[in-house]
């Protein structure tokens, strides 16, 4: 069964998705999502603390859940962050 999942997204990232410059999302895995689900990204203005009214709906192609703590020291993750590297 296809789910419809709504999430906030900051204007910078929203614009990149709308323009086709970004075709991935990085999210905390605190919700259920599967291939074929619909992800509704609602643009959020952090300065006004409200939605802008713009949104985009994308079909989920793939989902990768990565238990980072199994591969990296959490203190190093906090210090350096994580790269998501998109390859062509």
C-alpha atoms as a PDB file:
ATOM      1  CA  UNK A   1       0.000   0.000   0.000  1.00  0.00           C
ATOM      2  CA  UNK A   2       1.368   3.385  -1.003  1.00  0.00           C
ATOM      3  CA  UNK A   3       1.801   5.855   1.826  1.00  0.00           C
ATOM      4  CA  UNK A   4       1.801   9.626   1.531  1.00  0.00           C
ATOM      5  CA  UNK A   5       4.388  11.123   3.851  1.00  0.00           C
ATOM      6  CA  UNK A   6       4.636  14.887   4.448  1.00  0.00           C
ATOM      7  CA  UNK A   7       7.869  16.513   5.631  1.00  0.00           C
ATOM      8  CA  UNK A   8       9.148  20.051   6.061  1.00  0.00           C
ATOM      9  CA  UNK A   9      11.986  21.216   3.833  1.00  0.00           C
ATOM     10  CA  UNK A  10      13.996  24.432   3.974  1.00  0.00           C
ATOM     11  CA  UNK A  11      13.780  26.827   0.992  1.00  0.00           C
ATOM     12  CA  UNK A  12      17.384  26.200  -0.103  1.00  0.00           C
ATOM     13  CA  UNK A  13      16.803  22.457  -0.502  1.00  0.00           C
ATOM     14  CA  UNK A  14      13.265  22.883  -1.851  1.00  0.00           C
ATOM     15  CA  UNK A  15      14.560  25.057  -4.687  1.00  0.00           C
ATOM     16  CA  UNK A  16      17.247  22.506  -5.570  1.00  0.00           C
ATOM     17  CA  UNK A  17      14.677  19.701  -5.782  1.00  0.00           C
ATOM     18  CA  UNK A  18      12.276  21.800  -7.874  1.00  0.00           C
ATOM     19  CA  UNK A  19      15.136  22.735 -10.237  1.00  0.00           C
ATOM     20  CA  UNK A  20      16.248  19.109 -10.576  1.00  0.00           C
ATOM     21  CA  UNK A  21      19.635  19.790  -8.958  1.00  0.00           C
ATOM     22  CA  UNK A  22      18.980  17.455  -6.014  1.00  0.00           C
ATOM     23  CA  UNK A  23      17.346  14.044  -6.275  1.00  0.00           C
ATOM     24  CA  UNK A  24      17.825  12.655  -2.774  1.00  0.00           C
ATOM     25  CA  UNK A  25      16.788  13.412   0.790  1.00  0.00           C
ATOM     26  CA  UNK A  26      18.592  12.738   4.042  1.00  0.00           C
ATOM     27  CA  UNK A  27      16.219  12.190   6.944  1.00  0.00           C
ATOM     28  CA  UNK A  28      16.292  10.792  10.431  1.00  0.00           C
ATOM     29  CA  UNK A  29      14.725   7.326  10.182  1.00  0.00           C
ATOM     30  CA  UNK A  30      12.007   8.104  12.736  1.00  0.00           C
ATOM     31  CA  UNK A  31       9.122   7.248  10.378  1.00  0.00           C
ATOM     32  CA  UNK A  32       8.146   4.459   7.998  1.00  0.00           C
ATOM     33  CA  UNK A  33       8.856   4.921   4.285  1.00  0.00           C
ATOM     34  CA  UNK A  34       9.222   2.438   1.446  1.00  0.00           C
ATOM     35  CA  UNK A  35       9.871   2.306  -2.279  1.00  0.00           C
ATOM     36  CA  UNK A  36       6.800   3.514  -4.137  1.00  0.00           C
ATOM     37  CA  UNK A  37       5.568   5.804  -1.349  1.00  0.00           C
ATOM     38  CA  UNK A  38       4.894   9.463  -2.105  1.00  0.00           C
ATOM     39  CA  UNK A  39       6.994  12.044  -0.277  1.00  0.00           C
ATOM     40  CA  UNK A  40       5.365  15.462  -0.053  1.00  0.00           C
ATOM     41  CA  UNK A  41       7.985  18.091   0.726  1.00  0.00           C
ATOM     42  CA  UNK A  42       6.409  21.264   2.118  1.00  0.00           C
ATOM     43  CA  UNK A  43       8.614  24.347   2.031  1.00  0.00           C
ATOM     44  CA  UNK A  44       9.181  25.746   5.526  1.00  0.00           C
ATOM     45  CA  UNK A  45      10.290  29.301   6.239  1.00  0.00           C
ATOM     46  CA  UNK A  46      12.394  29.144   9.428  1.00  0.00           C
ATOM     47  CA  UNK A  47      12.395  32.940   9.805  1.00  0.00           C
ATOM     48  CA  UNK A  48       8.607  33.142   9.924  1.00  0.00           C
ATOM     49  CA  UNK A  49       8.249  29.692  11.519  1.00  0.00           C
ATOM     50  CA  UNK A  50       5.556  28.733   9.013  1.00  0.00           C
ATOM     51  CA  UNK A  51       4.970  26.961   5.720  1.00  0.00           C
ATOM     52  CA  UNK A  52       5.321  29.039   2.540  1.00  0.00           C
ATOM     53  CA  UNK A  53       2.432  27.287   0.811  1.00  0.00           C
ATOM     54  CA  UNK A  54       4.667  25.636  -1.771  1.00  0.00           C
ATOM     55  CA  UNK A  55       5.127  21.887  -1.928  1.00  0.00           C
ATOM     56  CA  UNK A  56       6.377  19.199  -4.272  1.00  0.00           C
ATOM     57  CA  UNK A  57       5.457  15.526  -4.366  1.00  0.00           C
ATOM     58  CA  UNK A  58       8.040  12.918  -5.339  1.00  0.00           C
ATOM     59  CA  UNK A  59       7.731   9.169  -5.678  1.00  0.00           C
ATOM     60  CA  UNK A  60      10.272   7.272  -3.583  1.00  0.00           C
ATOM     61  CA  UNK A  61      12.603   5.254  -5.812  1.00  0.00           C
ATOM     62  CA  UNK A  62      14.809   3.645  -3.167  1.00  0.00           C
ATOM     63  CA  UNK A  63      15.307   3.830   0.587  1.00  0.00           C
ATOM     64  CA  UNK A  64      18.591   3.056   2.311  1.00  0.00           C
ATOM     65  CA  UNK A  65      18.596   2.887   6.088  1.00  0.00           C
ATOM     66  CA  UNK A  66      22.147   3.062   7.401  1.00  0.00           C
ATOM     67  CA  UNK A  67      22.969   2.336  11.064  1.00  0.00           C
ATOM     68  CA  UNK A  68      25.835   4.844  11.217  1.00  0.00           C
ATOM     69  CA  UNK A  69      26.861   3.921  14.767  1.00  0.00           C
ATOM     70  CA  UNK A  70      27.796   0.439  13.526  1.00  0.00           C
ATOM     71  CA  UNK A  71      30.338   1.902  11.109  1.00  0.00           C
ATOM     72  CA  UNK A  72      31.554   5.138  12.672  1.00  0.00           C
ATOM     73  CA  UNK A  73      32.338   6.552  16.075  1.00  0.00           C
ATOM     74  CA  UNK A  74      29.497   8.892  17.036  1.00  0.00           C
ATOM     75  CA  UNK A  75      31.934  11.521  18.312  1.00  0.00           C
ATOM     76  CA  UNK A  76      33.583  11.620  14.885  1.00  0.00           C
ATOM     77  CA  UNK A  77      30.174  11.947  13.225  1.00  0.00           C
ATOM     78  CA  UNK A  78      29.431  14.921  15.495  1.00  0.00           C
ATOM     79  CA  UNK A  79      32.836  16.448  14.746  1.00  0.00           C
ATOM     80  CA  UNK A  80      32.989  15.916  10.968  1.00  0.00           C
ATOM     81  CA  UNK A  81      29.420  15.261   9.818  1.00  0.00           C
ATOM     82  CA  UNK A  82      28.479  12.812   7.073  1.00  0.00           C
ATOM     83  CA  UNK A  83      28.786  13.128   3.302  1.00  0.00           C
ATOM     84  CA  UNK A  84      26.070  11.879   1.015  1.00  0.00           C
ATOM     85  CA  UNK A  85      27.818  11.472  -2.303  1.00  0.00           C
ATOM     86  CA  UNK A  86      25.697  11.227  -5.433  1.00  0.00           C
ATOM     87  CA  UNK A  87      27.416   9.507  -8.337  1.00  0.00           C
ATOM     88  CA  UNK A  88      26.593   9.757 -12.044  1.00  0.00           C
END
